Amino acid sequence: MNVKYILSGFLLSVSVSSCIQDEALNVEAAIDGCTGTNIQSATIDHLRKEVEVYVLDGTDISQQELIFTLPDGATIQAEETETNDRPPLYDFSQNTLRHFVVTSEDGSTKTPYIVRVNKLALPTSFSFEELKETTPYNVFYLTNATGIMQWASGNPGYELSGMALNETQYPTVQYPEGYAGKCVKLTTLSTGSFGKPLGMPIAAGNIFIGSFDTQNAVLAPLQATHMGFPFTKRPTRMTGWFKYKAGETFTDKAGNVVTGKKDRGDIYAVLYEAPTSDFTLDGNLFPDGTGIDEHIVLLARIPEQEMTETDEWKKFDLEFTPQNGKTVNADDLKNEKYKLAVVFSSSVMGAYFQGAVGSELYIDEVEIICEN
């Protein structure tokens, strides 16, 4: 046996193994998700590299658990250490905004992130005056004494289509002429050549209380929508103002024209059971557009006959009515076992990619009226 060939073969195998190992090292450095005890919702702005974490008012944030979802092999570290830091527990009691750095598995990529913890007491009055300074689409938020509530929308998903050239060409935008000040304008738009092969020929304009998971926008769009925040009051009515115009041609999920069918917008709010703090309902609140999720306790929804086309602002006044034979339990309400979701859409079947391009819904000055 030739020792020279044996040695050469060994060195070659080591070299190949080394190359394979080097190639396997991940170069990605990003925050793909964030969960943890007491976190009600976490939204990630992948463009600005910001993570907004929402917890209930009264939560002890001196030891806030943050479990980050990172690419394979990546690590994360706070830039500055606070007194009570014991990763994954971090101290936000002195600084609610902190800086973190994600390092890729191979060490070549370092991505800085801002992580902000917001204490949230869900407000009951909503205008659409404030925009977060972000590109390329509008992000609405509302500030109050206890923190920031950021509205969610499908804008991040629509960005993937490449159809919008600027912030005014997204389904959910701010409009200067509201009922009082500015308002939100929701428009059903085409997703072009990107969406039709995926069974997503349209994108309805929508805005809702909750969060939107961009990572699942294409593979599981309904599950990418997380509805609601904790609520400790019993809602009785939802009021506000709207204008609506239906698009000309209604199409189905395949993009085929459905003759004789007219689009309409949707306005609703639900109070639902949330047995755990991280439990949320997804975009399939009304399965197939006709059913209702079993966790929903109260529903306020505009009737079909009231969602009429109008060029003038029209008031809606909707009563919360019991669903699924359920009643609100006072102790569970006090112990934060319910969540409230408020949803507006330019196409009532938009979650199932059915509707009419050009449908427009304007919403302003919304209020949730609760029992004293």
Protein backbone atom coordinates (compact mmCIF):
# COMPACT_ATOMS: atom_id res chain seq x y z
CA MET A 1 0.00 0.00 0.00
CA ASN A 2 1.36 3.40 -0.97
CA VAL A 3 1.60 5.61 2.15
CA LYS A 4 1.98 8.67 -0.09
CA TYR A 5 -1.47 8.13 -1.64
CA ILE A 6 -3.03 7.39 1.76
CA LEU A 7 -1.62 10.64 3.19
CA SER A 8 -2.70 12.61 0.13
CA GLY A 9 -6.21 11.20 0.38
CA PHE A 10 -6.40 12.05 4.08
CA LEU A 11 -5.26 15.62 3.51
CA LEU A 12 -7.73 16.00 0.65
CA SER A 13 -10.62 14.76 2.79
CA VAL A 14 -9.64 17.14 5.60
CA SER A 15 -9.43 19.99 3.12
CA VAL A 16 -12.84 19.20 1.60
CA SER A 17 -14.36 18.78 5.07
CA SER A 18 -12.89 22.15 6.10
CA CYS A 19 -14.30 23.84 3.01
CA ILE A 20 -17.74 22.36 3.63
CA GLN A 21 -17.62 23.48 7.23
CA ASP A 22 -16.58 27.01 6.25
CA GLU A 23 -19.33 27.23 3.66
CA ALA A 24 -21.90 26.09 6.21
CA LEU A 25 -21.24 29.04 8.50
CA ASN A 26 -24.16 31.44 8.33
CA VAL A 27 -23.53 35.08 7.36
CA GLU A 28 -27.00 36.33 8.39
CA ALA A 29 -27.43 38.67 11.35
CA ALA A 30 -31.04 39.69 12.02
CA ILE A 31 -33.82 39.50 14.59
CA ASP A 32 -36.55 37.32 13.11
CA GLY A 33 -38.80 37.18 16.16
CA CYS A 34 -39.13 38.17 19.81
CA THR A 35 -41.18 36.47 22.53
CA GLY A 36 -41.08 36.28 26.31
CA THR A 37 -43.05 36.32 29.54
CA ASN A 38 -45.62 39.18 29.70
CA ILE A 39 -45.02 40.23 26.09
CA GLN A 40 -48.37 40.93 24.46
CA SER A 41 -46.95 41.71 21.04
CA ALA A 42 -43.63 42.45 19.38
CA THR A 43 -43.31 44.14 15.99
CA ILE A 44 -40.07 44.14 14.03
CA ASP A 45 -39.23 46.86 11.51
CA HIS A 46 -36.71 45.06 9.31
CA LEU A 47 -35.88 48.24 7.39
CA ARG A 48 -35.16 50.48 10.36
CA LYS A 49 -33.82 47.61 12.50
CA GLU A 50 -36.19 48.39 15.35
CA VAL A 51 -38.13 46.07 17.65
CA GLU A 52 -41.20 47.41 19.46
CA VAL A 53 -42.13 45.24 22.45
CA TYR A 54 -45.53 45.78 24.07
CA VAL A 55 -46.31 44.74 27.64
CA LEU A 56 -49.22 45.46 29.93
CA ASP A 57 -49.18 48.56 32.08
CA GLY A 58 -47.91 47.54 35.53
CA THR A 59 -45.46 44.92 34.21
CA ASP A 60 -42.10 44.80 35.99
CA ILE A 61 -39.65 45.59 33.20
CA SER A 62 -36.55 45.50 35.39
CA GLN A 63 -36.31 41.83 34.42
CA GLN A 64 -38.09 41.62 31.09
CA GLU A 65 -37.65 38.31 29.32
CA LEU A 66 -36.68 38.67 25.65
CA ILE A 67 -36.25 35.47 23.68
CA PHE A 68 -34.97 36.44 20.26
CA THR A 69 -35.36 34.29 17.16
CA LEU A 70 -32.09 34.57 15.23
CA PRO A 71 -30.60 32.98 12.09
CA ASP A 72 -28.73 29.71 12.66
CA GLY A 73 -25.60 30.27 14.73
CA ALA A 74 -26.16 34.01 15.24
CA THR A 75 -25.80 35.60 18.69
CA ILE A 76 -27.17 38.78 20.27
CA GLN A 77 -25.79 41.03 22.97
CA ALA A 78 -26.84 44.29 24.60
CA GLU A 79 -24.39 47.11 23.84
CA GLU A 80 -24.53 48.37 27.43
CA THR A 81 -25.17 46.27 30.53
CA GLU A 82 -27.85 47.35 33.01
CA THR A 83 -28.04 46.42 36.70
CA ASN A 84 -30.48 43.53 36.47
CA ASP A 85 -29.41 42.06 33.14
CA ARG A 86 -29.37 38.26 33.25
CA PRO A 87 -29.95 37.23 29.61
CA PRO A 88 -32.57 36.41 28.50
CA LEU A 89 -33.77 38.77 31.25
CA TYR A 90 -33.01 42.43 30.53
CA ASP A 91 -33.45 45.57 32.63
CA PHE A 92 -35.54 48.25 30.91
CA SER A 93 -36.53 50.05 34.11
CA GLN A 94 -34.12 52.96 33.60
CA ASN A 95 -34.04 53.02 29.81
CA THR A 96 -37.05 51.75 27.87
CA LEU A 97 -34.98 52.03 24.67
CA ARG A 98 -31.83 49.93 24.45
CA HIS A 99 -29.32 49.00 21.75
CA PHE A 100 -28.46 45.41 20.80
CA VAL A 101 -26.07 43.90 18.24
CA VAL A 102 -26.69 40.67 16.34
CA THR A 103 -23.54 38.88 15.16
CA SER A 104 -23.66 36.25 12.41
CA GLU A 105 -22.37 32.73 12.93
CA ASP A 106 -19.20 33.41 10.92
CA GLY A 107 -18.64 36.73 12.71
CA SER A 108 -18.50 38.73 9.48
CA THR A 109 -21.84 40.53 9.90
CA LYS A 110 -22.86 42.70 12.83
CA THR A 111 -26.30 44.33 12.73
CA PRO A 112 -27.32 46.93 15.32
CA TYR A 113 -30.94 46.98 16.54
CA ILE A 114 -32.98 49.28 18.74
CA VAL A 115 -35.28 47.46 21.16
CA ARG A 116 -37.98 49.50 22.90
CA VAL A 117 -40.33 48.22 25.62
CA ASN A 118 -43.71 49.98 25.65
CA LYS A 119 -46.13 49.73 28.57
CA LEU A 120 -49.54 49.62 27.00
CA ALA A 121 -52.98 50.47 28.32
CA LEU A 122 -55.16 50.13 25.26
CA PRO A 123 -56.85 53.46 24.50
CA THR A 124 -60.51 53.73 23.56
CA SER A 125 -60.43 56.75 21.23
CA PHE A 126 -58.59 56.61 17.92
CA SER A 127 -57.68 59.29 15.43
CA PHE A 128 -55.21 58.81 12.61
CA GLU A 129 -53.07 61.91 12.96
CA GLU A 130 -49.72 60.40 13.93
CA LEU A 131 -47.38 58.60 11.57
CA LYS A 132 -44.20 56.83 12.53
CA GLU A 133 -41.26 58.18 10.56
CA THR A 134 -40.61 55.12 8.48
CA THR A 135 -40.24 54.21 4.86
CA PRO A 136 -41.47 53.09 2.46
CA TYR A 137 -45.05 52.88 3.82
CA ASN A 138 -47.22 54.68 6.39
CA VAL A 139 -47.30 53.26 9.91
CA PHE A 140 -49.95 54.76 12.21
CA TYR A 141 -49.52 55.01 15.95
CA LEU A 142 -51.18 56.59 18.95
CA THR A 143 -49.40 57.92 22.01
CA ASN A 144 -50.96 58.13 25.45
CA ALA A 145 -49.82 58.46 29.05
CA THR A 146 -48.69 54.85 29.30
CA GLY A 147 -46.87 54.32 26.03
CA ILE A 148 -47.35 53.82 22.32
CA MET A 149 -49.94 51.80 20.46
CA GLN A 150 -48.95 51.07 16.90
CA TRP A 151 -51.63 50.10 14.40
CA ALA A 152 -50.85 47.13 12.17
CA SER A 153 -51.66 46.77 8.48
CA GLY A 154 -50.88 44.60 5.47
CA ASN A 155 -48.53 47.24 4.02
CA PRO A 156 -45.39 45.18 4.84
CA GLY A 157 -46.83 42.27 2.85
CA TYR A 158 -47.74 44.49 -0.09
CA GLU A 159 -44.17 45.76 -0.21
CA LEU A 160 -43.12 42.30 -1.38
CA SER A 161 -45.12 42.75 -4.60
CA GLY A 162 -42.92 45.65 -5.74
CA MET A 163 -46.01 47.48 -7.01
CA ALA A 164 -45.67 50.62 -4.87
CA LEU A 165 -43.26 53.33 -6.03
CA ASN A 166 -43.80 55.54 -2.98
CA GLU A 167 -45.71 55.64 0.31
CA THR A 168 -48.92 56.92 -1.36
CA GLN A 169 -49.25 53.77 -3.48
CA TYR A 170 -49.76 51.31 -0.63
CA PRO A 171 -53.16 49.92 0.41
CA THR A 172 -53.11 51.74 3.78
CA VAL A 173 -52.18 55.44 3.75
CA GLN A 174 -52.87 58.64 5.62
CA TYR A 175 -55.28 61.03 3.90
CA PRO A 176 -55.28 64.79 4.63
CA GLU A 177 -59.05 65.37 4.50
CA GLY A 178 -60.60 63.43 7.35
CA TYR A 179 -63.78 64.00 9.29
CA ALA A 180 -61.60 65.89 11.77
CA GLY A 181 -58.03 66.56 10.71
CA LYS A 182 -56.45 63.61 8.91
CA CYS A 183 -57.80 60.09 8.46
CA VAL A 184 -56.80 56.68 7.17
CA LYS A 185 -57.56 55.71 3.57
CA LEU A 186 -57.81 52.01 2.71
CA THR A 187 -57.69 50.94 -0.94
CA THR A 188 -57.90 47.51 -2.56
CA LEU A 189 -54.99 47.23 -5.00
CA SER A 190 -53.66 44.72 -7.51
CA THR A 191 -50.58 42.72 -6.55
CA GLY A 192 -49.61 42.35 -10.21
CA SER A 193 -47.54 39.49 -11.53
CA PHE A 194 -46.21 38.78 -8.05
CA GLY A 195 -49.52 37.93 -6.40
CA LYS A 196 -51.67 36.27 -9.03
CA PRO A 197 -49.64 33.01 -9.35
CA LEU A 198 -49.77 32.73 -5.55
CA GLY A 199 -53.55 33.06 -5.41
CA MET A 200 -53.21 36.60 -4.05
CA PRO A 201 -54.32 38.81 -6.96
CA ILE A 202 -55.41 41.69 -4.73
CA ALA A 203 -54.44 43.31 -1.46
CA ALA A 204 -57.23 44.96 0.48
CA GLY A 205 -56.38 48.09 2.42
CA ASN A 206 -56.64 47.24 6.11
CA ILE A 207 -55.70 48.56 9.51
CA PHE A 208 -56.15 46.73 12.81
CA ILE A 209 -55.15 46.51 16.45
CA GLY A 210 -52.56 43.76 16.61
CA SER A 211 -49.44 42.89 14.65
CA PHE A 212 -48.43 41.56 11.23
CA ASP A 213 -45.71 38.95 10.74
CA THR A 214 -43.94 39.82 7.49
CA GLN A 215 -42.00 36.56 7.49
CA ASN A 216 -45.22 34.57 6.92
CA ALA A 217 -46.95 37.08 4.64
CA VAL A 218 -46.67 34.84 1.56
CA LEU A 219 -46.65 31.30 2.94
CA ALA A 220 -49.42 31.77 5.54
CA PRO A 221 -51.06 35.21 5.15
CA LEU A 222 -53.99 34.53 7.50
CA GLN A 223 -51.68 33.24 10.22
CA ALA A 224 -49.36 36.22 9.71
CA THR A 225 -52.10 38.47 11.09
CA HIS A 226 -52.27 38.57 14.90
CA MET A 227 -55.39 40.33 16.16
CA GLY A 228 -55.89 42.24 19.39
CA PHE A 229 -54.35 43.56 22.58
CA PRO A 230 -55.40 42.93 26.22
CA PHE A 231 -58.50 44.79 27.36
CA THR A 232 -59.97 45.07 30.87
CA LYS A 233 -63.23 46.91 30.17
CA ARG A 234 -66.54 45.62 28.83
CA PRO A 235 -67.18 47.34 25.50
CA THR A 236 -70.78 48.22 24.65
CA ARG A 237 -70.56 50.21 21.40
CA MET A 238 -68.10 51.29 18.71
CA THR A 239 -68.66 54.57 16.90
CA GLY A 240 -66.83 56.48 14.20
CA TRP A 241 -67.07 57.97 10.73
CA PHE A 242 -66.56 56.46 7.28
CA LYS A 243 -66.81 57.04 3.54
CA TYR A 244 -66.89 54.20 1.03
CA LYS A 245 -66.70 53.58 -2.71
CA ALA A 246 -66.69 50.10 -4.27
CA GLY A 247 -64.35 49.19 -7.11
CA GLU A 248 -65.83 48.38 -10.50
CA THR A 249 -64.89 44.71 -11.01
CA PHE A 250 -65.10 41.98 -8.37
CA THR A 251 -62.59 39.12 -8.75
CA ASP A 252 -62.08 35.81 -6.99
CA LYS A 253 -58.90 34.32 -5.52
CA ALA A 254 -57.75 33.22 -8.96
CA GLY A 255 -58.23 36.72 -10.34
CA ASN A 256 -61.30 35.73 -12.36
CA VAL A 257 -64.14 38.25 -12.77
CA VAL A 258 -67.26 37.40 -10.76
CA THR A 259 -70.22 38.89 -12.57
CA GLY A 260 -73.09 40.37 -10.60
CA LYS A 261 -71.09 40.66 -7.37
CA LYS A 262 -70.26 43.99 -5.75
CA ASP A 263 -67.52 44.67 -3.23
CA ARG A 264 -68.12 46.24 0.16
CA GLY A 265 -65.95 47.36 3.04
CA ASP A 266 -65.85 46.01 6.57
CA ILE A 267 -65.85 47.64 10.02
CA TYR A 268 -65.83 45.52 13.16
CA ALA A 269 -64.46 44.92 16.63
CA VAL A 270 -64.34 41.76 18.74
CA LEU A 271 -63.69 40.97 22.38
CA TYR A 272 -62.33 37.44 22.63
CA GLU A 273 -61.05 35.00 25.24
CA ALA A 274 -57.26 34.86 25.61
CA PRO A 275 -56.40 32.06 28.06
CA THR A 276 -52.69 32.98 27.99
CA SER A 277 -50.92 36.31 27.49
CA ASP A 278 -49.35 35.19 24.19
CA PHE A 279 -52.61 33.82 22.72
CA THR A 280 -54.00 35.76 19.75
CA LEU A 281 -56.54 35.11 17.04
CA ASP A 282 -55.30 35.25 13.47
CA GLY A 283 -56.89 36.66 10.32
CA ASN A 284 -59.38 33.79 10.13
CA LEU A 285 -61.79 35.36 12.64
CA PHE A 286 -64.69 34.56 10.36
CA PRO A 287 -63.84 31.23 8.65
CA ASP A 288 -64.78 31.31 4.97
CA GLY A 289 -66.40 34.68 5.58
CA THR A 290 -69.49 33.13 7.17
CA GLY A 291 -68.50 31.46 10.47
CA ILE A 292 -67.14 32.97 13.67
CA ASP A 293 -64.20 31.87 15.81
CA GLU A 294 -65.20 30.02 18.97
CA HIS A 295 -63.16 32.34 21.23
CA ILE A 296 -65.13 35.46 20.31
CA VAL A 297 -67.37 36.68 23.14
CA LEU A 298 -68.63 40.03 21.81
CA LEU A 299 -68.90 41.36 18.26
CA ALA A 300 -69.68 44.81 16.87
CA ARG A 301 -69.88 44.74 13.07
CA ILE A 302 -71.40 47.03 10.48
CA PRO A 303 -74.40 45.38 8.75
CA GLU A 304 -74.16 44.85 5.01
CA GLN A 305 -77.03 47.25 4.32
CA GLU A 306 -75.28 50.07 6.22
CA MET A 307 -72.00 49.74 4.32
CA THR A 308 -73.31 51.91 1.51
CA GLU A 309 -71.35 53.99 -0.95
CA THR A 310 -71.16 57.62 0.09
CA ASP A 311 -69.08 60.66 -0.82
CA GLU A 312 -69.98 62.32 2.49
CA TRP A 313 -68.81 61.28 5.93
CA LYS A 314 -71.32 58.92 7.51
CA LYS A 315 -71.42 57.93 11.18
CA PHE A 316 -71.44 54.30 12.30
CA ASP A 317 -72.72 53.27 15.72
CA LEU A 318 -72.34 49.54 16.36
CA GLU A 319 -73.46 47.55 19.38
CA PHE A 320 -71.33 44.78 20.86
CA THR A 321 -73.53 41.68 20.94
CA PRO A 322 -72.83 38.28 22.59
CA GLN A 323 -71.50 35.47 20.39
CA ASN A 324 -71.13 31.69 20.72
CA GLY A 325 -73.49 31.68 23.71
CA LYS A 326 -70.79 33.33 25.83
CA THR A 327 -70.89 36.09 28.43
CA VAL A 328 -68.13 38.29 29.79
CA ASN A 329 -66.76 37.03 33.10
CA ALA A 330 -65.98 39.95 35.42
CA ASP A 331 -63.07 38.21 37.17
CA ASP A 332 -61.49 37.12 33.87
CA LEU A 333 -61.91 40.66 32.56
CA LYS A 334 -60.09 42.09 35.57
CA ASN A 335 -57.37 39.44 35.27
CA GLU A 336 -56.68 40.35 31.62
CA LYS A 337 -58.09 37.17 30.07
CA TYR A 338 -59.67 39.02 27.14
CA LYS A 339 -58.29 40.85 24.13
CA LEU A 340 -59.87 43.50 21.92
CA ALA A 341 -59.37 43.66 18.18
CA VAL A 342 -60.58 46.55 16.00
CA VAL A 343 -60.44 45.99 12.24
CA PHE A 344 -61.18 48.03 9.10
CA SER A 345 -60.88 46.75 5.52
CA SER A 346 -61.68 48.10 2.06
CA SER A 347 -62.89 44.62 0.98
CA VAL A 348 -64.94 42.41 3.30
CA MET A 349 -63.41 39.25 1.77
CA GLY A 350 -59.97 40.77 1.38
CA ALA A 351 -58.41 38.28 3.82
CA TYR A 352 -59.29 35.60 1.26
CA PHE A 353 -58.03 37.77 -1.66
CA GLN A 354 -61.48 38.40 -3.06
CA GLY A 355 -62.69 41.91 -3.85
CA ALA A 356 -62.55 44.75 -6.36
CA VAL A 357 -59.47 46.75 -7.23
CA GLY A 358 -60.21 50.40 -6.53
CA SER A 359 -62.52 49.91 -3.53
CA GLU A 360 -61.86 52.72 -1.03
CA LEU A 361 -62.75 53.00 2.66
CA TYR A 362 -61.99 56.13 4.70
CA ILE A 363 -62.08 55.88 8.51
CA ASP A 364 -61.79 58.57 11.18
CA GLU A 365 -62.55 59.41 14.85
CA VAL A 366 -63.25 55.93 16.20
CA GLU A 367 -64.34 55.39 19.80
CA ILE A 368 -64.93 52.27 21.89
CA ILE A 369 -67.62 53.00 24.49
CA CYS A 370 -67.40 50.86 27.62
CA GLU A 371 -69.38 50.21 30.80
CA ASN A 372 -68.33 52.40 33.71
